[in-house]
């Protein structure tokens, strides 16, 4: 990636974050970290999902201003394309995570977004879940994600959860790369 690409990515992410957090966005609209996890989950999914299907998951009922919605959709697609390209070119991912008051990274929303992508086609993900070794790649994501009632998807001892939460900036990118490699080995292009 060139320096110009990084600046463009930073500008895109900043504008996308602003649009998703604006009062013009639908109430149930994903915020940036959750969206980034969702798009990453789609990028490493075993089967492609049509954007017409998954864009509705990003903002529910949609924007009242359809011109703004089209612009946000374009930014979302650009961000998704950059995630796919980075993975395909071996750059990995740099998840967009919230920051806790103490300065540590908070990956809960990101993990929830990733699992929302899995929920689009759960049957497609069964091979990785049925593989004793490969399903371990999902542990950091499952440990941080919650169900609709706010309960963790994966119950871990507190010490194990803390180790994962304290090292999300390393564990999440590694997990994504391993999941991506798993599906590529099963479905070579």
Protein backbone atom coordinates (compact mmCIF):
# COMPACT_ATOMS: atom_id res chain seq x y z
CA UNK A 1 0.00 0.00 0.00
CA UNK A 2 1.24 3.48 -0.75
CA UNK A 3 1.14 6.46 1.62
CA UNK A 4 -1.67 7.95 -0.51
CA UNK A 5 -3.77 4.80 -0.05
CA UNK A 6 -3.44 5.10 3.72
CA UNK A 7 -4.56 8.72 3.63
CA UNK A 8 -7.53 7.80 1.42
CA UNK A 9 -8.43 4.93 3.78
CA UNK A 10 -8.21 7.21 6.81
CA UNK A 11 -10.39 9.83 5.13
CA UNK A 12 -12.90 7.19 4.03
CA UNK A 13 -13.08 5.71 7.53
CA UNK A 14 -13.48 9.15 9.13
CA UNK A 15 -16.28 10.14 6.75
CA UNK A 16 -17.99 6.77 7.13
CA UNK A 17 -17.79 7.00 10.93
CA UNK A 18 -19.31 10.47 10.84
CA UNK A 19 -22.15 9.39 8.54
CA UNK A 20 -23.02 6.31 10.62
CA UNK A 21 -23.02 8.31 13.86
CA UNK A 22 -24.98 11.26 12.46
CA UNK A 23 -28.56 12.02 13.38
CA UNK A 24 -29.42 11.32 9.72
CA UNK A 25 -28.49 7.65 10.17
CA UNK A 26 -31.20 5.16 11.12
CA UNK A 27 -31.44 4.38 14.84
CA UNK A 28 -30.53 0.74 14.31
CA UNK A 29 -27.58 1.52 12.04
CA UNK A 30 -24.30 -0.29 12.74
CA UNK A 31 -21.55 1.92 14.07
CA UNK A 32 -18.03 1.86 12.63
CA UNK A 33 -16.41 -0.88 14.72
CA UNK A 34 -19.37 -3.23 14.36
CA UNK A 35 -19.53 -2.48 10.62
CA UNK A 36 -15.81 -3.21 10.24
CA UNK A 37 -16.26 -6.57 11.96
CA UNK A 38 -19.30 -7.32 9.82
CA UNK A 39 -17.47 -6.48 6.59
CA UNK A 40 -14.47 -8.52 7.70
CA UNK A 41 -16.74 -11.48 8.41
CA UNK A 42 -18.20 -11.13 4.93
CA UNK A 43 -14.72 -10.85 3.41
CA UNK A 44 -13.60 -14.16 4.95
CA UNK A 45 -16.94 -15.96 4.59
CA UNK A 46 -16.91 -19.34 2.86
CA UNK A 47 -19.39 -18.10 0.23
CA UNK A 48 -19.96 -14.60 -1.11
CA UNK A 49 -23.13 -12.84 -0.03
CA UNK A 50 -24.77 -10.33 -2.36
CA UNK A 51 -24.45 -6.74 -1.08
CA UNK A 52 -28.17 -6.19 -1.72
CA UNK A 53 -28.79 -8.77 0.99
CA UNK A 54 -26.26 -7.64 3.57
CA UNK A 55 -26.58 -3.85 3.22
CA UNK A 56 -29.98 -4.10 4.92
CA UNK A 57 -28.19 -5.55 7.96
CA UNK A 58 -26.00 -2.44 8.12
CA UNK A 59 -28.82 0.07 8.52
CA UNK A 60 -32.10 -1.76 8.97
CA UNK A 61 -34.94 0.33 7.58
CA UNK A 62 -32.52 2.60 5.74
CA UNK A 63 -31.85 6.30 5.61
CA UNK A 64 -34.72 8.74 5.11
CA UNK A 65 -32.47 10.62 2.67
CA UNK A 66 -31.91 8.11 -0.15
CA UNK A 67 -29.14 10.24 -1.68
CA UNK A 68 -27.24 10.07 1.62
CA UNK A 69 -27.94 6.33 1.82
CA UNK A 70 -26.45 5.85 -1.65
CA UNK A 71 -23.34 7.79 -0.62
CA UNK A 72 -22.96 5.79 2.60
CA UNK A 73 -23.49 2.55 0.64
CA UNK A 74 -20.69 3.58 -1.71
CA UNK A 75 -18.37 4.24 1.26
CA UNK A 76 -19.33 0.89 2.83
CA UNK A 77 -18.59 -0.91 -0.44
CA UNK A 78 -15.24 0.89 -0.75
CA UNK A 79 -14.30 -0.12 2.79
CA UNK A 80 -15.38 -3.71 2.12
CA UNK A 81 -13.33 -3.79 -1.11
CA UNK A 82 -10.26 -2.58 0.78
CA UNK A 83 -10.66 -5.31 3.41
CA UNK A 84 -10.96 -7.96 0.68
CA UNK A 85 -7.97 -6.57 -1.20
CA UNK A 86 -5.79 -6.39 1.91
CA UNK A 87 -6.62 -10.01 2.78
CA UNK A 88 -6.07 -11.23 -0.78
CA UNK A 89 -2.72 -9.46 -1.01
CA UNK A 90 -1.55 -10.84 2.33
CA UNK A 91 -1.67 -7.57 4.31
CA UNK A 92 -4.11 -9.02 6.84
CA UNK A 93 -6.54 -6.79 8.70
CA UNK A 94 -6.27 -3.89 11.08
CA UNK A 95 -9.63 -3.99 12.88
CA UNK A 96 -11.29 -0.71 13.75
CA UNK A 97 -11.79 -1.08 17.49
CA UNK A 98 -13.18 1.28 20.08
CA UNK A 99 -10.89 2.52 22.83
CA UNK A 100 -11.72 2.01 26.50
CA UNK A 101 -11.20 4.90 28.96
CA UNK A 102 -7.96 3.25 30.09
CA UNK A 103 -6.63 3.29 26.50
CA UNK A 104 -7.06 -0.44 25.88
CA UNK A 105 -8.84 -1.72 22.79
CA UNK A 106 -12.45 -2.88 23.02
CA UNK A 107 -13.36 -5.44 20.35
CA UNK A 108 -16.86 -6.38 21.57
CA UNK A 109 -18.72 -4.41 18.88
CA UNK A 110 -16.29 -5.60 16.21
CA UNK A 111 -16.82 -9.23 17.26
CA UNK A 112 -20.60 -8.73 17.29
CA UNK A 113 -20.37 -7.41 13.73
CA UNK A 114 -18.27 -10.37 12.61
CA UNK A 115 -20.78 -12.80 14.10
CA UNK A 116 -23.63 -10.94 12.39
CA UNK A 117 -21.90 -11.80 9.10
CA UNK A 118 -21.72 -15.45 10.19
CA UNK A 119 -25.44 -15.30 11.05
CA UNK A 120 -26.28 -14.38 7.47
CA UNK A 121 -25.36 -17.90 6.33
CA UNK A 122 -24.68 -20.03 9.42
CA UNK A 123 -24.90 -23.29 7.47
CA UNK A 124 -21.95 -22.19 5.31
CA UNK A 125 -19.80 -21.90 8.45
CA UNK A 126 -20.51 -25.44 9.70
CA UNK A 127 -17.32 -27.00 8.25
CA UNK A 128 -15.06 -24.73 10.31
CA UNK A 129 -17.19 -25.30 13.41
CA UNK A 130 -17.09 -29.07 12.90
CA UNK A 131 -13.29 -29.09 12.51
CA UNK A 132 -11.73 -29.48 15.99
CA UNK A 133 -8.55 -27.60 15.09
CA UNK A 134 -10.03 -24.95 12.80
CA UNK A 135 -12.83 -23.88 15.12
CA UNK A 136 -10.14 -22.64 17.52
CA UNK A 137 -9.56 -19.78 15.06
CA UNK A 138 -12.98 -18.42 16.05
CA UNK A 139 -12.34 -18.49 19.82
CA UNK A 140 -11.14 -14.87 20.21
CA UNK A 141 -14.13 -13.60 18.24
CA UNK A 142 -16.68 -15.83 19.96
CA UNK A 143 -15.26 -14.92 23.37
CA UNK A 144 -15.87 -11.22 22.75
CA UNK A 145 -19.21 -11.42 20.93
CA UNK A 146 -22.58 -11.43 22.70
CA UNK A 147 -26.04 -12.68 21.85
CA UNK A 148 -29.09 -10.41 21.61
CA UNK A 149 -29.50 -10.47 25.40
CA UNK A 150 -25.89 -9.42 25.99
CA UNK A 151 -24.63 -12.85 27.06
CA UNK A 152 -21.22 -13.99 25.77
CA UNK A 153 -21.43 -16.47 22.92
CA UNK A 154 -18.58 -18.44 24.46
CA UNK A 155 -18.33 -19.00 28.19
CA UNK A 156 -14.69 -18.88 29.26
CA UNK A 157 -13.03 -18.76 32.66
CA UNK A 158 -12.43 -15.12 33.64
CA UNK A 159 -8.64 -15.45 33.31
CA UNK A 160 -8.93 -16.77 29.73
CA UNK A 161 -11.41 -14.05 28.78
CA UNK A 162 -9.09 -11.39 30.24
CA UNK A 163 -6.11 -12.75 28.26
CA UNK A 164 -8.13 -12.48 25.06
CA UNK A 165 -9.55 -9.04 25.89
CA UNK A 166 -6.09 -7.73 26.77
CA UNK A 167 -4.57 -8.89 23.48
CA UNK A 168 -7.34 -8.26 20.94
CA UNK A 169 -5.13 -6.14 18.70
CA UNK A 170 -2.99 -9.21 18.06
CA UNK A 171 -5.52 -12.03 18.41
CA UNK A 172 -8.27 -10.64 16.17
CA UNK A 173 -6.06 -10.07 13.09
CA UNK A 174 -4.45 -13.49 13.59
CA UNK A 175 -7.86 -15.17 13.90
CA UNK A 176 -9.11 -13.45 10.73
CA UNK A 177 -6.01 -14.49 8.78
CA UNK A 178 -6.39 -18.10 9.96
CA UNK A 179 -10.08 -18.18 9.06
CA UNK A 180 -9.32 -16.67 5.66
CA UNK A 181 -6.57 -19.25 5.06
CA UNK A 182 -8.88 -22.08 6.14
CA UNK A 183 -11.56 -21.17 3.59
CA UNK A 184 -9.02 -20.49 0.83
CA UNK A 185 -7.50 -23.95 1.33
CA UNK A 186 -10.98 -25.53 1.09
CA UNK A 187 -12.14 -23.38 -1.84
CA UNK A 188 -9.10 -22.40 -3.93
CA UNK A 189 -9.91 -19.70 -6.49
